[in-house]
Amino acid sequence: VDVLLCCGDFEAIRTPTDLACKACPEKYRAMGNFPDYYSGKKRAPVLTIFIGGNHEASNYMNDLFFGGWAAPNMYYLGRSGVVTVHGLRIAGMSGIYKKYNYHRGHFED
């Protein structure tokens, strides 16, 4: 395995502040083990490329709006992005489809 693709709800939650920014009911909020990867205590065994889903820490994903390394060996494609790995072009778009919001557009602050 050369690369692992995660297609949403990666949940890169580093801190309790990130957890508070996670869009989900309170009963589903949990820290998980991402802080160990973020700090470098653990390292993903293969390159992991991910997009954001609808249950992410929006504050951290907005910090990496255009993509970037979320942790060692873990790359976030940003709101939309393209990378090439071993000659294979990988593209992704974060988010979910909501019919009632689809035509509203996205406006940056």
N, C-alpha and C. Protein backbone atom coordinates (compact mmCIF):
# COMPACT_ATOMS: atom_id res chain seq x y z
N VAL A 1 0.85 -1.18 0.00
CA VAL A 1 0.00 0.00 0.00
C VAL A 1 0.90 1.24 0.00
N ASP A 2 0.71 2.09 -0.99
CA ASP A 2 1.51 3.31 -1.12
C ASP A 2 0.84 4.54 -0.54
N VAL A 3 -0.50 4.55 -0.55
CA VAL A 3 -1.24 5.72 -0.08
C VAL A 3 -2.61 5.27 0.42
N LEU A 4 -3.07 5.95 1.46
CA LEU A 4 -4.41 5.70 2.01
C LEU A 4 -5.24 6.94 1.76
N LEU A 5 -6.43 6.77 1.17
CA LEU A 5 -7.32 7.89 0.90
C LEU A 5 -8.49 7.83 1.87
N CYS A 6 -8.75 8.92 2.54
CA CYS A 6 -9.89 9.01 3.46
C CYS A 6 -10.85 10.04 2.87
N CYS A 7 -12.03 9.59 2.57
CA CYS A 7 -13.00 10.43 1.84
C CYS A 7 -14.03 11.06 2.77
N GLY A 8 -13.56 11.81 3.75
CA GLY A 8 -14.45 12.56 4.62
C GLY A 8 -14.52 12.02 6.03
N ASP A 9 -14.89 12.90 6.95
CA ASP A 9 -14.99 12.60 8.38
C ASP A 9 -13.70 12.00 8.92
N PHE A 10 -12.60 12.61 8.56
CA PHE A 10 -11.29 12.21 9.06
C PHE A 10 -11.14 12.55 10.54
N GLU A 11 -11.75 13.66 10.96
CA GLU A 11 -11.79 14.11 12.35
C GLU A 11 -10.40 14.39 12.92
N ALA A 12 -9.71 15.33 12.30
CA ALA A 12 -8.39 15.77 12.77
C ALA A 12 -8.59 16.72 13.95
N ILE A 13 -8.85 16.16 15.11
CA ILE A 13 -9.15 16.94 16.31
C ILE A 13 -7.94 16.92 17.23
N ARG A 14 -7.30 18.08 17.39
CA ARG A 14 -6.05 18.19 18.14
C ARG A 14 -6.26 18.48 19.62
N THR A 15 -7.26 19.28 19.93
CA THR A 15 -7.42 19.82 21.29
C THR A 15 -8.89 19.87 21.67
N PRO A 16 -9.19 20.12 22.95
CA PRO A 16 -10.59 20.33 23.34
C PRO A 16 -11.24 21.50 22.59
N THR A 17 -10.47 22.51 22.23
CA THR A 17 -11.02 23.63 21.45
C THR A 17 -11.48 23.13 20.08
N ASP A 18 -10.67 22.29 19.43
CA ASP A 18 -11.08 21.69 18.16
C ASP A 18 -12.35 20.88 18.35
N LEU A 19 -12.40 20.12 19.42
CA LEU A 19 -13.56 19.26 19.68
C LEU A 19 -14.83 20.10 19.79
N ALA A 20 -14.73 21.26 20.42
CA ALA A 20 -15.89 22.14 20.56
C ALA A 20 -16.35 22.68 19.21
N CYS A 21 -15.45 22.70 18.21
CA CYS A 21 -15.79 23.19 16.86
C CYS A 21 -16.29 22.09 15.94
N LYS A 22 -16.33 20.87 16.42
CA LYS A 22 -16.79 19.74 15.61
C LYS A 22 -18.30 19.81 15.45
N ALA A 23 -18.76 19.73 14.22
CA ALA A 23 -20.19 19.83 13.93
C ALA A 23 -20.85 18.46 14.09
N CYS A 24 -21.36 18.20 15.28
CA CYS A 24 -22.09 16.96 15.53
C CYS A 24 -22.78 17.07 16.89
N PRO A 25 -23.74 16.20 17.16
CA PRO A 25 -24.37 16.21 18.48
C PRO A 25 -23.33 15.93 19.57
N GLU A 26 -23.52 16.52 20.71
CA GLU A 26 -22.60 16.40 21.84
C GLU A 26 -22.25 14.95 22.16
N LYS A 27 -23.21 14.06 22.09
CA LYS A 27 -22.97 12.66 22.48
C LYS A 27 -21.96 11.96 21.57
N TYR A 28 -21.68 12.51 20.39
CA TYR A 28 -20.72 11.90 19.47
C TYR A 28 -19.34 12.54 19.53
N ARG A 29 -19.14 13.50 20.41
CA ARG A 29 -17.86 14.19 20.50
C ARG A 29 -16.88 13.38 21.36
N ALA A 30 -15.74 13.09 20.77
CA ALA A 30 -14.67 12.38 21.49
C ALA A 30 -13.34 12.78 20.87
N MET A 31 -12.30 12.82 21.68
CA MET A 31 -10.99 13.27 21.21
C MET A 31 -10.35 12.31 20.21
N GLY A 32 -10.44 11.05 20.41
CA GLY A 32 -9.77 10.11 19.52
C GLY A 32 -8.26 10.17 19.72
N ASN A 33 -7.50 9.62 18.79
CA ASN A 33 -6.04 9.54 18.95
C ASN A 33 -5.27 10.47 18.02
N PHE A 34 -5.94 11.38 17.32
CA PHE A 34 -5.24 12.28 16.42
C PHE A 34 -4.18 13.14 17.11
N PRO A 35 -4.37 13.58 18.37
CA PRO A 35 -3.32 14.38 19.01
C PRO A 35 -1.96 13.67 19.03
N ASP A 36 -1.94 12.36 19.14
CA ASP A 36 -0.67 11.61 19.10
C ASP A 36 0.01 11.74 17.74
N TYR A 37 -0.77 11.76 16.68
CA TYR A 37 -0.21 11.92 15.33
C TYR A 37 0.20 13.37 15.09
N TYR A 38 -0.61 14.30 15.55
CA TYR A 38 -0.32 15.72 15.37
C TYR A 38 0.99 16.11 16.08
N SER A 39 1.20 15.56 17.25
CA SER A 39 2.40 15.89 18.04
C SER A 39 3.65 15.16 17.55
N GLY A 40 3.47 14.15 16.71
CA GLY A 40 4.60 13.37 16.24
C GLY A 40 4.90 12.15 17.11
N LYS A 41 4.13 11.97 18.17
CA LYS A 41 4.30 10.80 19.03
C LYS A 41 4.07 9.51 18.24
N LYS A 42 3.09 9.56 17.33
CA LYS A 42 2.82 8.45 16.41
C LYS A 42 2.95 8.98 14.99
N ARG A 43 3.17 8.08 14.05
CA ARG A 43 3.27 8.45 12.64
C ARG A 43 2.45 7.47 11.81
N ALA A 44 1.67 7.99 10.89
CA ALA A 44 0.90 7.13 9.99
C ALA A 44 1.88 6.24 9.21
N PRO A 45 1.61 4.95 9.14
CA PRO A 45 2.55 4.04 8.46
C PRO A 45 2.62 4.23 6.95
N VAL A 46 1.59 4.83 6.35
CA VAL A 46 1.61 5.14 4.92
C VAL A 46 1.09 6.57 4.74
N LEU A 47 1.45 7.18 3.64
CA LEU A 47 0.95 8.51 3.31
C LEU A 47 -0.57 8.46 3.34
N THR A 48 -1.18 9.36 4.10
CA THR A 48 -2.63 9.43 4.23
C THR A 48 -3.09 10.77 3.68
N ILE A 49 -3.98 10.72 2.70
CA ILE A 49 -4.52 11.92 2.08
C ILE A 49 -6.01 11.95 2.37
N PHE A 50 -6.49 13.11 2.84
CA PHE A 50 -7.90 13.15 3.21
C PHE A 50 -8.57 14.45 2.79
N ILE A 51 -9.90 14.37 2.71
CA ILE A 51 -10.75 15.54 2.51
C ILE A 51 -11.61 15.68 3.75
N GLY A 52 -12.21 16.84 3.92
CA GLY A 52 -13.09 17.07 5.06
C GLY A 52 -14.51 16.62 4.76
N GLY A 53 -15.15 16.12 5.79
CA GLY A 53 -16.57 15.76 5.70
C GLY A 53 -17.40 16.78 6.45
N ASN A 54 -18.55 16.36 6.90
CA ASN A 54 -19.41 17.28 7.64
C ASN A 54 -19.27 17.14 9.15
N HIS A 55 -18.33 16.32 9.61
CA HIS A 55 -18.09 16.16 11.05
C HIS A 55 -16.62 16.43 11.35
N GLU A 56 -16.17 17.60 11.00
CA GLU A 56 -14.77 17.97 11.20
C GLU A 56 -14.66 19.12 12.20
N ALA A 57 -13.48 19.35 12.70
CA ALA A 57 -13.18 20.53 13.50
C ALA A 57 -12.99 21.68 12.52
N SER A 58 -14.03 22.47 12.34
CA SER A 58 -14.00 23.49 11.29
C SER A 58 -12.89 24.51 11.49
N ASN A 59 -12.50 24.78 12.74
CA ASN A 59 -11.43 25.75 12.97
C ASN A 59 -10.11 25.28 12.36
N TYR A 60 -9.76 24.02 12.57
CA TYR A 60 -8.49 23.51 12.04
C TYR A 60 -8.55 23.36 10.52
N MET A 61 -9.66 22.88 10.00
CA MET A 61 -9.78 22.73 8.55
C MET A 61 -9.72 24.10 7.87
N ASN A 62 -10.25 25.14 8.51
CA ASN A 62 -10.16 26.49 7.94
C ASN A 62 -8.73 27.02 7.99
N ASP A 63 -7.96 26.61 9.00
CA ASP A 63 -6.54 27.00 9.06
C ASP A 63 -5.78 26.43 7.87
N LEU A 64 -6.23 25.29 7.38
CA LEU A 64 -5.60 24.62 6.22
C LEU A 64 -6.51 24.73 4.99
N PHE A 65 -7.14 25.86 4.81
CA PHE A 65 -8.14 26.06 3.76
C PHE A 65 -7.66 25.57 2.39
N PHE A 66 -6.42 25.86 2.05
CA PHE A 66 -5.87 25.49 0.75
C PHE A 66 -5.13 24.15 0.79
N GLY A 67 -5.21 23.47 1.91
CA GLY A 67 -4.54 22.17 2.05
C GLY A 67 -3.21 22.30 2.77
N GLY A 68 -2.69 21.16 3.18
CA GLY A 68 -1.41 21.14 3.85
C GLY A 68 -1.27 19.94 4.76
N TRP A 69 -0.13 19.83 5.39
CA TRP A 69 0.15 18.71 6.28
C TRP A 69 -0.58 18.91 7.60
N ALA A 70 -1.53 18.05 7.90
CA ALA A 70 -2.28 18.10 9.16
C ALA A 70 -1.48 17.47 10.28
N ALA A 71 -0.63 16.53 9.93
CA ALA A 71 0.25 15.82 10.86
C ALA A 71 1.31 15.14 9.99
N PRO A 72 2.40 14.66 10.59
CA PRO A 72 3.39 13.96 9.78
C PRO A 72 2.76 12.81 8.99
N ASN A 73 2.97 12.81 7.69
CA ASN A 73 2.50 11.77 6.77
C ASN A 73 0.98 11.79 6.57
N MET A 74 0.30 12.88 6.98
CA MET A 74 -1.15 13.03 6.80
C MET A 74 -1.41 14.37 6.12
N TYR A 75 -1.92 14.31 4.89
CA TYR A 75 -2.09 15.51 4.08
C TYR A 75 -3.57 15.79 3.83
N TYR A 76 -3.97 17.01 4.13
CA TYR A 76 -5.35 17.47 3.89
C TYR A 76 -5.38 18.19 2.54
N LEU A 77 -6.30 17.81 1.66
CA LEU A 77 -6.41 18.42 0.34
C LEU A 77 -7.03 19.81 0.37
N GLY A 78 -7.48 20.27 1.52
CA GLY A 78 -8.11 21.59 1.60
C GLY A 78 -9.56 21.51 1.15
N ARG A 79 -10.17 22.67 0.97
CA ARG A 79 -11.56 22.67 0.51
C ARG A 79 -11.68 21.97 -0.84
N SER A 80 -10.64 22.11 -1.64
CA SER A 80 -10.51 21.34 -2.88
C SER A 80 -9.03 21.34 -3.22
N GLY A 81 -8.57 20.27 -3.77
CA GLY A 81 -7.15 20.20 -4.08
C GLY A 81 -6.80 19.02 -4.96
N VAL A 82 -5.61 19.08 -5.51
CA VAL A 82 -5.09 18.03 -6.38
C VAL A 82 -3.63 17.79 -6.01
N VAL A 83 -3.24 16.54 -5.88
CA VAL A 83 -1.85 16.16 -5.65
C VAL A 83 -1.52 15.01 -6.59
N THR A 84 -0.25 14.79 -6.82
CA THR A 84 0.19 13.66 -7.62
C THR A 84 1.07 12.78 -6.74
N VAL A 85 0.73 11.51 -6.67
CA VAL A 85 1.47 10.54 -5.86
C VAL A 85 1.86 9.39 -6.77
N HIS A 86 3.16 9.18 -6.94
CA HIS A 86 3.68 8.10 -7.80
C HIS A 86 3.04 8.12 -9.18
N GLY A 87 2.88 9.31 -9.75
CA GLY A 87 2.34 9.46 -11.10
C GLY A 87 0.82 9.43 -11.17
N LEU A 88 0.13 9.21 -10.05
CA LEU A 88 -1.33 9.18 -10.02
C LEU A 88 -1.84 10.52 -9.50
N ARG A 89 -2.69 11.18 -10.29
CA ARG A 89 -3.26 12.45 -9.86
C ARG A 89 -4.50 12.17 -9.01
N ILE A 90 -4.52 12.75 -7.81
CA ILE A 90 -5.62 12.55 -6.87
C ILE A 90 -6.26 13.91 -6.60
N ALA A 91 -7.56 13.99 -6.81
CA ALA A 91 -8.29 15.24 -6.57
C ALA A 91 -9.38 15.00 -5.54
N GLY A 92 -9.70 16.04 -4.80
CA GLY A 92 -10.77 15.91 -3.82
C GLY A 92 -11.43 17.24 -3.53
N MET A 93 -12.67 17.15 -3.10
CA MET A 93 -13.43 18.32 -2.66
C MET A 93 -14.04 17.99 -1.31
N SER A 94 -13.83 18.85 -0.35
CA SER A 94 -14.37 18.63 0.98
C SER A 94 -15.81 19.10 1.07
N GLY A 95 -16.52 18.57 2.05
CA GLY A 95 -17.88 19.01 2.31
C GLY A 95 -18.90 17.95 1.95
N ILE A 96 -20.14 18.35 2.01
CA ILE A 96 -21.24 17.45 1.67
C ILE A 96 -22.21 18.19 0.76
N TYR A 97 -23.05 17.45 0.10
CA TYR A 97 -24.09 18.04 -0.74
C TYR A 97 -25.34 18.24 0.10
N LYS A 98 -25.84 19.47 0.12
CA LYS A 98 -27.11 19.79 0.75
C LYS A 98 -27.93 20.55 -0.29
N LYS A 99 -29.00 19.93 -0.73
CA LYS A 99 -29.80 20.51 -1.80
C LYS A 99 -30.22 21.95 -1.49
N TYR A 100 -30.63 22.22 -0.26
CA TYR A 100 -31.13 23.56 0.07
C TYR A 100 -30.04 24.61 0.16
N ASN A 101 -28.76 24.21 0.22
CA ASN A 101 -27.66 25.17 0.26
C ASN A 101 -26.85 25.22 -1.04
N TYR A 102 -27.12 24.31 -1.95
CA TYR A 102 -26.26 24.12 -3.12
C TYR A 102 -26.05 25.39 -3.93
N HIS A 103 -27.08 26.16 -4.16
CA HIS A 103 -26.96 27.34 -5.02
C HIS A 103 -26.66 28.63 -4.25
N ARG A 104 -26.42 28.53 -2.96
CA ARG A 104 -26.14 29.73 -2.16
C ARG A 104 -24.71 30.21 -2.34
N GLY A 105 -23.79 29.36 -2.72
CA GLY A 105 -22.40 29.77 -2.90
C GLY A 105 -21.64 29.72 -1.59
N HIS A 106 -20.36 29.97 -1.69
CA HIS A 106 -19.51 30.00 -0.50
C HIS A 106 -18.80 31.35 -0.49
N PHE A 107 -18.94 32.06 0.62
CA PHE A 107 -18.37 33.39 0.71
C PHE A 107 -17.39 33.42 1.87
N GLU A 108 -16.15 33.81 1.58
CA GLU A 108 -15.12 33.89 2.60
C GLU A 108 -15.28 35.18 3.38
N ASP A 109 -14.91 35.13 4.65
CA ASP A 109 -14.98 36.33 5.50
C ASP A 109 -13.89 37.31 5.15
